Protein backbone atom coordinates (compact mmCIF):
# COMPACT_ATOMS: atom_id res chain seq x y z
CA MET A 1 -9.37 146.16 -53.35
CA THR A 2 -7.31 143.61 -55.03
CA LEU A 3 -8.85 141.85 -57.58
CA PHE A 4 -6.51 138.89 -57.76
CA LYS A 5 -7.24 135.54 -56.47
CA THR A 6 -4.27 134.35 -57.23
CA ARG A 7 -1.34 135.56 -59.44
CA GLN A 8 0.30 131.93 -59.63
CA PRO A 9 -1.40 131.92 -63.54
CA PHE A 10 1.05 134.62 -64.55
CA ARG A 11 4.65 132.99 -62.88
CA ASP A 12 7.35 131.10 -65.16
CA GLY A 13 6.54 127.20 -64.71
CA TYR A 14 2.80 127.58 -64.19
CA GLU A 15 1.18 125.00 -66.51
CA PRO A 16 -2.32 124.67 -66.85
CA ASP A 17 -4.57 121.80 -66.92
CA THR A 18 -5.05 122.16 -70.52
CA ILE A 19 -2.70 123.35 -73.60
CA VAL A 20 -4.58 125.59 -75.99
CA ALA A 21 -3.40 127.08 -78.87
CA ARG A 22 -0.12 124.73 -79.87
CA ASP A 23 -2.40 121.81 -80.95
CA GLU A 24 -0.24 121.53 -84.22
CA THR A 25 2.98 121.74 -82.17
CA ILE A 26 1.47 118.91 -79.90
CA SER A 27 0.85 117.14 -82.95
CA LYS A 28 4.44 116.96 -83.95
CA LEU A 29 5.91 116.29 -80.85
CA THR A 30 3.62 113.29 -80.04
CA SER A 31 4.46 111.91 -83.29
CA VAL A 32 8.41 112.27 -82.82
CA PHE A 33 7.54 110.21 -79.35
CA GLN A 34 5.27 108.12 -80.47
CA GLU A 35 8.30 105.60 -81.79
CA PHE A 36 9.96 105.88 -77.93
CA VAL A 37 6.36 104.67 -76.53
CA ASP A 38 6.55 101.71 -79.48
CA GLY A 39 10.03 100.81 -77.87
CA PHE A 40 12.08 102.21 -80.02
CA CYS A 41 15.16 104.92 -79.23
CA VAL A 42 14.78 107.97 -76.98
CA PRO A 43 14.35 110.98 -79.20
CA HIS A 44 16.30 113.84 -78.92
CA LEU A 45 15.00 117.34 -79.77
CA PHE A 46 15.73 121.16 -80.45
CA VAL A 47 13.15 123.27 -80.27
CA ARG A 48 13.35 126.70 -80.97
CA GLY A 49 11.17 129.87 -81.04
CA ASP A 50 10.44 133.38 -80.03
CA GLN A 51 9.73 133.69 -76.49
CA GLY A 52 6.75 133.43 -75.26
CA THR A 53 5.66 130.81 -78.03
CA GLY A 54 4.88 127.91 -75.58
CA LYS A 55 8.43 125.85 -75.83
CA ARG A 56 8.90 124.30 -72.49
CA THR A 57 5.02 124.21 -71.78
CA VAL A 58 4.32 121.76 -74.80
CA ILE A 59 7.65 119.85 -74.12
CA HIS A 60 6.69 118.89 -70.46
CA HIS A 61 3.05 118.23 -71.31
CA VAL A 62 4.02 115.70 -74.02
CA LEU A 63 6.69 114.43 -71.92
CA THR A 64 3.92 113.94 -69.19
CA LEU A 65 1.63 112.26 -71.79
CA ALA A 66 4.84 109.89 -72.81
CA GLU A 67 5.19 108.80 -69.54
CA GLN A 68 1.64 107.90 -68.92
CA ALA A 69 2.37 105.61 -72.06
CA VAL A 70 5.45 103.67 -70.66
CA GLU A 71 5.74 101.65 -68.22
CA THR A 72 9.00 103.32 -66.89
CA GLU A 73 9.78 106.51 -65.22
CA ILE A 74 10.50 109.65 -67.07
CA GLU A 75 13.14 112.26 -64.88
CA VAL A 76 13.61 115.33 -66.73
CA ILE A 77 17.13 117.50 -65.57
CA THR A 78 16.42 121.27 -66.48
CA ILE A 79 19.55 123.19 -66.81
CA ASP A 80 19.54 127.08 -67.41
CA CYS A 81 22.58 127.80 -70.17
CA GLY A 82 21.84 131.40 -68.83
CA GLU A 83 23.26 130.21 -65.68
CA HIS A 84 25.43 127.30 -66.75
CA ASP A 85 27.13 128.94 -70.02
CA SER A 86 29.69 126.20 -70.81
CA LEU A 87 29.43 122.58 -71.26
CA TYR A 88 32.01 122.01 -67.88
CA LYS A 89 29.53 124.16 -65.62
CA ILE A 90 26.64 121.84 -67.56
CA TYR A 91 28.19 118.97 -66.54
CA LEU A 92 28.80 120.09 -62.70
CA GLU A 93 25.55 120.80 -62.32
CA LEU A 94 24.16 117.31 -63.59
CA ALA A 95 27.10 115.97 -61.30
CA TYR A 96 25.96 117.36 -58.36
CA ARG A 97 22.01 116.49 -58.62
CA LEU A 98 22.65 113.15 -59.96
CA CYS A 99 25.71 111.63 -58.23
CA GLU A 100 26.51 110.90 -54.51
CA ASP A 101 29.97 111.29 -54.57
CA ASP A 102 30.98 114.94 -54.55
CA TYR A 103 32.69 116.56 -58.19
CA PRO A 104 34.35 119.74 -57.05
CA ARG A 105 35.33 122.62 -59.50
CA GLY A 106 38.32 121.34 -61.36
CA THR A 107 37.16 117.65 -61.62
CA HIS A 108 38.39 116.22 -65.18
CA GLN A 109 34.84 116.80 -67.52
CA LEU A 110 36.04 112.90 -68.99
CA ASP A 111 35.52 111.75 -65.48
CA LEU A 112 32.40 114.16 -64.60
CA GLU A 113 31.08 112.53 -68.33
CA GLU A 114 31.46 108.93 -66.74
CA ALA A 115 29.93 109.81 -63.22
CA ILE A 116 26.36 111.14 -64.82
CA PHE A 117 25.94 108.77 -67.72
CA GLN A 118 26.74 105.93 -65.89
CA GLU A 119 24.67 106.99 -62.44
CA MET A 120 21.92 107.24 -65.61
CA SER A 121 22.22 103.25 -66.27
CA ASP A 122 18.68 102.55 -64.47
CA PRO A 123 16.39 100.32 -66.77
CA GLY A 124 13.17 101.60 -64.46
CA VAL A 125 14.19 105.16 -65.31
CA THR A 126 14.12 107.53 -68.78
CA TRP A 127 16.21 110.52 -68.72
CA TYR A 128 15.96 113.81 -70.18
CA ILE A 129 18.49 116.70 -69.97
CA LEU A 130 16.65 119.72 -70.82
CA LEU A 131 18.90 122.70 -71.72
CA GLU A 132 16.72 126.12 -71.30
CA ASN A 133 18.10 129.36 -72.90
CA LEU A 134 20.35 127.24 -75.04
CA GLU A 135 21.45 130.82 -76.86
CA ALA A 136 23.56 131.78 -73.80
CA LEU A 137 25.93 129.55 -74.73
CA GLY A 138 27.03 130.79 -78.02
CA LYS A 139 26.19 129.34 -81.51
CA ASP A 140 29.85 127.96 -81.99
CA ASN A 141 29.25 125.85 -78.58
CA LEU A 142 26.25 124.01 -78.78
CA PRO A 143 26.44 120.65 -76.86
CA PHE A 144 24.57 118.37 -78.30
CA HIS A 145 27.31 116.68 -80.37
CA GLU A 146 29.60 116.24 -77.10
CA LEU A 147 26.33 114.94 -74.81
CA GLN A 148 25.37 112.66 -77.33
CA ASP A 149 29.01 111.25 -77.56
CA GLY A 150 29.20 110.97 -73.94
CA LEU A 151 26.07 108.65 -73.76
CA SER A 152 27.53 106.77 -76.10
CA GLU A 153 30.80 106.51 -74.56
CA TYR A 154 30.10 106.09 -70.75
CA GLY A 155 26.20 105.24 -71.29
CA THR A 156 25.19 101.18 -70.69
CA ASP A 157 22.74 99.11 -71.67
CA HIS A 158 20.52 100.15 -69.11
CA THR A 159 21.39 104.20 -70.28
CA GLU A 160 18.24 105.50 -71.66
CA CYS A 161 18.74 109.52 -72.03
CA GLY A 162 17.45 112.05 -74.31
CA ILE A 163 18.81 115.85 -75.18
CA ILE A 164 16.24 118.42 -75.19
CA GLY A 165 17.48 122.09 -76.18
CA ILE A 166 14.99 125.03 -76.34
CA SER A 167 16.03 128.20 -77.73
CA ASN A 168 14.37 131.68 -77.85
CA SER A 169 16.95 132.28 -80.73
CA THR A 170 15.57 130.68 -84.17
CA GLY A 171 18.46 131.23 -86.20
CA LEU A 172 20.31 129.17 -83.86
CA HIS A 173 19.21 126.24 -85.34
CA ASP A 174 21.35 127.43 -88.70
CA HIS A 175 24.59 126.98 -86.34
CA LEU A 176 23.83 122.98 -85.58
CA SER A 177 26.21 120.89 -87.40
CA GLY A 178 24.91 118.34 -90.29
CA ASP A 179 26.44 115.63 -88.01
CA VAL A 180 23.84 116.25 -85.28
CA LEU A 181 21.07 116.72 -87.33
CA HIS A 182 21.27 114.00 -89.28
CA LYS A 183 21.64 111.53 -85.98
CA PRO A 184 19.04 108.98 -85.84
CA TYR A 185 16.22 110.12 -83.46
CA MET A 186 17.24 113.66 -83.78
CA PHE A 187 14.64 116.07 -84.02
CA THR A 188 13.67 120.03 -84.59
CA VAL A 189 10.48 121.62 -83.90
CA LYS A 190 9.83 125.35 -84.27
CA THR A 191 6.89 127.06 -82.49
CA ASN A 192 5.95 130.60 -84.18
CA PRO A 193 4.17 133.56 -82.60
CA TYR A 194 0.71 133.32 -81.67
CA GLN A 195 -2.15 135.22 -83.28
CA ALA A 196 -4.60 137.63 -81.38
CA THR A 197 -7.38 134.90 -81.43
CA GLU A 198 -5.07 131.92 -79.87
CA LEU A 199 -3.79 134.74 -77.04
CA ARG A 200 -7.68 135.09 -76.22
CA GLU A 201 -7.68 131.76 -75.66
CA ILE A 202 -4.57 131.77 -73.78
CA LEU A 203 -5.82 134.91 -71.81
CA GLN A 204 -9.42 133.72 -70.56
CA GLN A 205 -8.07 130.11 -69.83
CA HIS A 206 -5.26 131.89 -67.12
CA ALA A 207 -7.92 135.46 -66.27
CA GLU A 208 -10.19 132.59 -64.85
CA VAL A 209 -7.79 131.48 -62.24
CA ALA A 210 -5.80 134.39 -61.66
CA PHE A 211 -8.62 136.84 -60.95
CA ILE A 212 -12.00 136.51 -58.10
CA ASP A 213 -15.22 135.95 -59.66
CA ASP A 214 -16.61 138.74 -62.23
CA GLY A 215 -12.79 140.15 -62.02
CA PHE A 216 -12.11 141.43 -65.76
CA CYS A 217 -14.50 141.70 -68.65
CA GLU A 218 -14.12 140.15 -72.05
CA PRO A 219 -13.12 143.24 -73.81
CA ALA A 220 -10.27 143.75 -71.82
CA ILE A 221 -9.00 140.16 -72.67
CA GLN A 222 -9.60 141.29 -76.22
CA LEU A 223 -7.94 144.23 -75.88
CA CYS A 224 -4.68 142.88 -74.12
CA ALA A 225 -4.36 139.67 -77.05
CA ALA A 226 -4.68 142.52 -79.69
CA ILE A 227 -2.32 144.77 -78.95
CA ILE A 228 0.46 141.62 -77.97
CA GLY A 229 -0.99 140.14 -81.11
CA GLN A 230 0.09 142.94 -83.33
CA GLN A 231 3.59 143.44 -81.42
CA THR A 232 5.25 140.30 -80.86
CA GLY A 233 2.49 137.59 -80.46
CA SER A 234 4.05 136.46 -77.39
CA ALA A 235 2.18 134.61 -74.74
CA ALA A 236 4.67 136.09 -71.77
CA ASP A 237 4.31 139.48 -73.01
CA ALA A 238 0.06 138.63 -73.38
CA LEU A 239 -0.23 137.53 -69.66
CA GLN A 240 2.28 140.32 -68.47
CA LEU A 241 0.03 143.23 -70.07
CA LEU A 242 -2.73 141.80 -68.10
CA GLU A 243 -1.39 141.00 -64.89
CA LEU A 244 -0.31 144.76 -64.94
CA ALA A 245 -3.80 145.87 -65.91
CA GLY A 246 -5.06 143.68 -62.93
CA TYR A 247 -2.48 145.91 -61.05
CA VAL A 248 -3.62 149.27 -62.21
CA ALA A 249 -7.38 147.95 -61.55
CA SER A 250 -6.80 147.10 -58.02
CA HIS A 251 -5.17 150.43 -57.53
CA SER A 252 -8.24 152.40 -58.82
CA THR A 253 -11.03 153.61 -56.74
CA ASP A 254 -13.74 151.84 -56.82
CA ALA A 255 -12.52 149.20 -59.71
CA ASP A 256 -14.99 145.72 -59.13
CA GLN A 257 -13.15 144.44 -62.69
CA VAL A 258 -10.33 144.57 -65.15
CA THR A 259 -11.77 146.65 -67.82
CA GLU A 260 -10.17 148.39 -71.60
CA THR A 261 -9.24 151.52 -69.99
CA HIS A 262 -6.56 149.80 -67.30
CA VAL A 263 -5.21 147.61 -70.16
CA GLN A 264 -4.82 151.05 -71.55
CA THR A 265 -2.98 152.46 -68.90
CA ALA A 266 -1.14 149.52 -68.34
CA LYS A 267 0.31 149.38 -71.58
CA GLU A 268 1.92 153.07 -71.13
CA SER A 269 3.97 151.06 -68.94
CA LEU A 270 4.51 147.82 -70.69
CA HIS A 271 7.84 148.53 -72.05
CA SER A 272 9.52 149.12 -69.03
CA LEU A 273 8.34 146.41 -67.38
CA ARG A 274 9.57 144.19 -70.49
CA LEU A 275 12.77 145.67 -69.98
CA HIS A 276 13.03 144.80 -66.54
CA THR A 277 11.83 141.27 -67.63
CA THR A 278 14.91 141.40 -70.15
CA PHE A 279 17.25 142.40 -67.72
CA THR A 280 16.35 140.27 -64.72
CA GLN A 281 15.66 136.80 -66.85
CA GLU A 282 17.86 136.80 -69.75
CA LEU A 283 21.24 138.33 -68.57
CA ASN A 284 23.51 136.36 -66.99
CA PRO A 285 25.31 138.38 -64.41
CA LYS A 286 28.53 139.44 -66.57
CA GLU A 287 25.85 140.77 -68.94
CA GLN A 288 23.66 142.64 -66.15
CA LEU A 289 27.09 143.99 -65.05
CA LEU A 290 28.35 145.20 -68.23
CA CYS A 291 24.80 146.84 -69.60
CA THR A 292 24.81 148.65 -65.92
CA ILE A 293 28.16 149.95 -66.48
CA ILE A 294 27.11 151.24 -70.23
CA ALA A 295 23.78 152.77 -68.70
CA ALA A 296 25.49 154.40 -66.55
CA HIS A 297 28.10 156.35 -68.73
CA THR A 298 25.20 157.15 -71.09
CA GLU A 299 23.09 158.65 -68.15
CA VAL A 300 25.78 160.76 -66.50
CA ASP A 301 28.48 161.52 -69.50
CA GLU A 302 25.76 161.71 -72.05
CA LYS A 303 28.00 160.11 -74.39
CA PRO A 304 29.13 156.60 -75.06
CA VAL A 305 31.71 154.38 -73.70
CA SER A 306 34.78 152.60 -75.43
CA THR A 307 35.12 149.41 -75.49
CA GLU A 308 38.58 149.61 -74.01
CA SER A 309 37.18 151.72 -71.18
CA LEU A 310 34.54 149.02 -70.45
CA VAL A 311 37.48 146.41 -70.10
CA GLU A 312 39.03 148.55 -67.69
CA GLU A 313 35.67 149.08 -65.60
CA TYR A 314 34.36 145.88 -65.93
CA GLN A 315 37.75 144.36 -64.62
CA GLU A 316 37.65 147.00 -61.80
CA HIS A 317 33.95 145.83 -60.45
CA CYS A 318 33.63 142.12 -61.15
CA GLY A 319 35.22 141.04 -57.53
CA SER A 320 32.34 143.00 -56.15
CA PHE A 321 29.43 140.86 -58.15
CA ASP A 322 32.02 137.82 -57.34
CA LEU A 323 32.03 137.45 -60.87
CA THR A 324 35.58 136.21 -62.66
CA SER A 325 37.20 138.64 -65.05
CA VAL A 326 36.92 138.31 -69.13
CA LYS A 327 39.22 139.22 -71.64
CA LYS A 328 38.34 141.59 -74.23
CA ARG A 329 37.37 139.27 -77.09
CA ARG A 330 34.92 137.44 -74.48
CA LEU A 331 33.90 140.54 -73.24
CA GLU A 332 33.03 141.89 -76.91
CA GLN A 333 30.63 138.87 -77.38
CA LEU A 334 28.75 140.11 -74.29
CA ILE A 335 28.09 143.08 -76.09
CA VAL A 336 26.94 141.59 -78.78
CA ASN A 337 24.84 139.36 -76.70
CA LEU A 338 23.22 143.18 -75.41
CA ARG A 339 22.76 144.12 -79.00
CA GLU A 340 20.62 141.36 -79.91
CA LYS A 341 18.40 142.41 -77.25
CA ARG A 342 18.24 145.72 -78.08
CA LEU A 343 19.99 147.23 -74.88
CA VAL A 344 23.05 148.36 -76.22
CA SER A 345 23.61 149.63 -79.66
CA THR A 346 27.54 150.38 -81.30
CA GLN A 347 28.85 152.27 -83.16
CA ASP A 348 32.65 151.92 -85.52
CA GLN A 349 34.78 155.07 -84.89
CA ASN A 350 37.32 155.80 -87.74
CA ILE A 351 39.61 158.59 -88.15
CA GLY A 352 41.49 156.73 -90.88
CA ARG A 353 45.04 154.74 -90.91
CA SER A 354 47.15 156.88 -88.04
CA GLY A 355 44.22 156.69 -85.27
CA GLY A 356 43.05 153.30 -86.09
CA MET A 357 39.66 151.81 -86.00
CA TRP A 358 37.69 151.38 -82.25
CA SER A 359 33.75 151.12 -81.10
CA VAL A 360 31.92 152.88 -78.37
CA HIS A 361 28.73 151.69 -77.03
CA GLU A 362 25.77 153.20 -75.44
CA THR A 363 21.96 152.27 -73.92
CA PRO A 364 18.88 153.85 -75.54
CA SER A 365 16.74 153.51 -72.47
CA SER A 366 19.58 154.07 -69.52
CA ARG A 367 17.20 155.06 -66.90
CA LEU A 368 15.16 151.85 -67.25
CA ILE A 369 18.12 150.03 -67.14
CA LEU A 370 19.52 151.68 -63.96
CA ARG A 371 16.09 151.21 -62.13
CA SER A 372 15.77 147.55 -63.21
CA ALA A 373 19.64 147.57 -61.78
CA ASP A 374 18.61 149.58 -58.45
CA ILE A 375 15.82 146.88 -58.13
CA THR A 376 17.80 144.00 -58.49
CA SER A 377 20.60 144.05 -55.73
CA GLY A 378 22.03 146.10 -53.53
CA ARG A 379 25.25 145.85 -55.14
CA PHE A 380 24.02 147.48 -58.47
CA THR A 381 22.88 150.33 -55.78
CA ARG A 382 26.31 151.08 -54.59
CA LEU A 383 27.38 151.05 -58.43
CA LEU A 384 25.46 153.49 -59.37
CA ARG A 385 26.48 155.73 -56.35
CA LYS A 386 30.05 155.22 -57.66
CA TYR A 387 29.53 156.34 -61.25
CA ASP A 388 27.34 159.67 -59.45
CA VAL A 389 23.80 158.37 -60.81
CA SER A 390 20.84 160.32 -59.39
CA LEU A 391 18.92 157.32 -58.40
CA ASP A 392 15.89 159.91 -57.52
CA HIS A 393 15.42 160.55 -60.99
CA LEU A 394 15.12 157.09 -62.31
CA LYS A 395 11.53 157.17 -61.58
CA ASN A 396 9.00 158.35 -64.00
CA PRO A 397 5.80 159.35 -61.83
CA ASP A 398 3.73 158.74 -65.00
CA GLU A 399 4.31 154.97 -64.97
CA VAL A 400 3.62 152.11 -62.64
CA ASP A 401 5.80 151.57 -60.18
CA ILE A 402 7.66 148.63 -61.31
CA GLU A 403 9.32 147.88 -57.54
CA GLU A 404 5.90 148.18 -56.25
CA PHE A 405 4.50 145.94 -58.55
CA LEU A 406 6.84 143.58 -58.49
CA SER A 407 6.50 143.52 -54.56
CA ASN A 408 3.68 141.55 -52.08
CA ASP A 409 3.20 144.88 -50.48
CA TRP A 410 -0.20 145.71 -52.31
CA SER A 411 -1.52 142.23 -52.67
CA SER A 412 -4.00 140.67 -50.02
CA GLU A 413 -2.98 137.60 -47.86
CA ASN A 414 -4.74 135.58 -50.73
CA ILE A 415 -1.88 136.62 -53.08
CA ASP A 416 0.35 133.13 -52.59
CA VAL A 417 3.29 133.36 -53.84
CA ASP A 418 6.70 135.29 -52.89
CA LEU A 419 7.28 137.35 -56.29
CA GLN A 420 10.86 138.32 -55.90
CA GLN A 421 11.59 134.56 -55.38
CA LEU A 422 10.23 133.39 -58.87
CA ASN A 423 11.18 134.23 -62.51
CA PHE A 424 8.32 135.87 -64.36
CA TYR A 425 6.80 134.96 -67.38
CA PRO A 426 6.59 131.44 -69.09
CA THR A 427 9.06 130.64 -72.42
């Protein structure tokens, strides 16, 4: 039997009625927005912190509080920079959502800017452009300056618009220009990893909504919080572990609640689930394809693959994934992104002046990556067959079946979300 009443509290975008364990951050943001509430300019924000430290949750909470305190309506347009990974793509998406006229790809960027910010000219509305996963744009392409200049150039006296950037990379702050950081009404906020006591509070709040009555025990909550408090301090990771423990308990004979034993079992599969979450949610399509190619070489050839080979193979396969080709320099940047997420390791080879230098790449968890790719799309399954990857050997019988965990097949009719259509855990 399933012990879940609903799995919604574990889903991306779920916002509880009250925000716990982030009083200090909420206090800072409330101070930032107080001047706006008092009738001054709309603030711009750069919010940084490790994944799962409540950035998005507190931003939405404070924006809701601000809207309740002012006479104007606050409209938030959220752009995922992992999907729209250039300023031009951001403008195209904004034009698509805001403007009645059609602005196809190829429209000049200045025309897009003018249309967007003039469309925001409404005395009854304050707009916020919320840029999530800002690190996907690259440290040299942060768009605060350009967006603020476009607002100044094409906005009217009735245009009120703030820019909020959210980054999972705390070091990205160092690459913001002084011109941006020192502009009036530009603020930066950093969220820190949660302590175990804070994680316990968050887990308790979500568990009371997610599980049936008496469907979990307090020691299980405490153990989840202690494990993740020592590892990452991420609420996303803690919720992931608790949901996985709920899955284990629901598949255990005669289990009537989630216990410490189920948490310990779930912990053994947590790395696989984390890697799958990273692959599916934190990588853009180009990074996914590149990571899969590297993992296929690691698994089948049992040796690293060179950058030059990756360029050739990426160009060969990108069309099958509806992706554009990339030059070597761009591909090298994609590899850097994969290294930062600890999915790929790189070794530099040097055989002297005559032989020159080159780099080779491999994945430390090739089977987990290939399993995630296989689950994600039939296109990846076909690609793996081209590389002679044995799909039957990718599963580990001692771990939770990630594909089944992600499906609704094991859930009762009370489980009210389609897991394949939703991202996983909160930022």
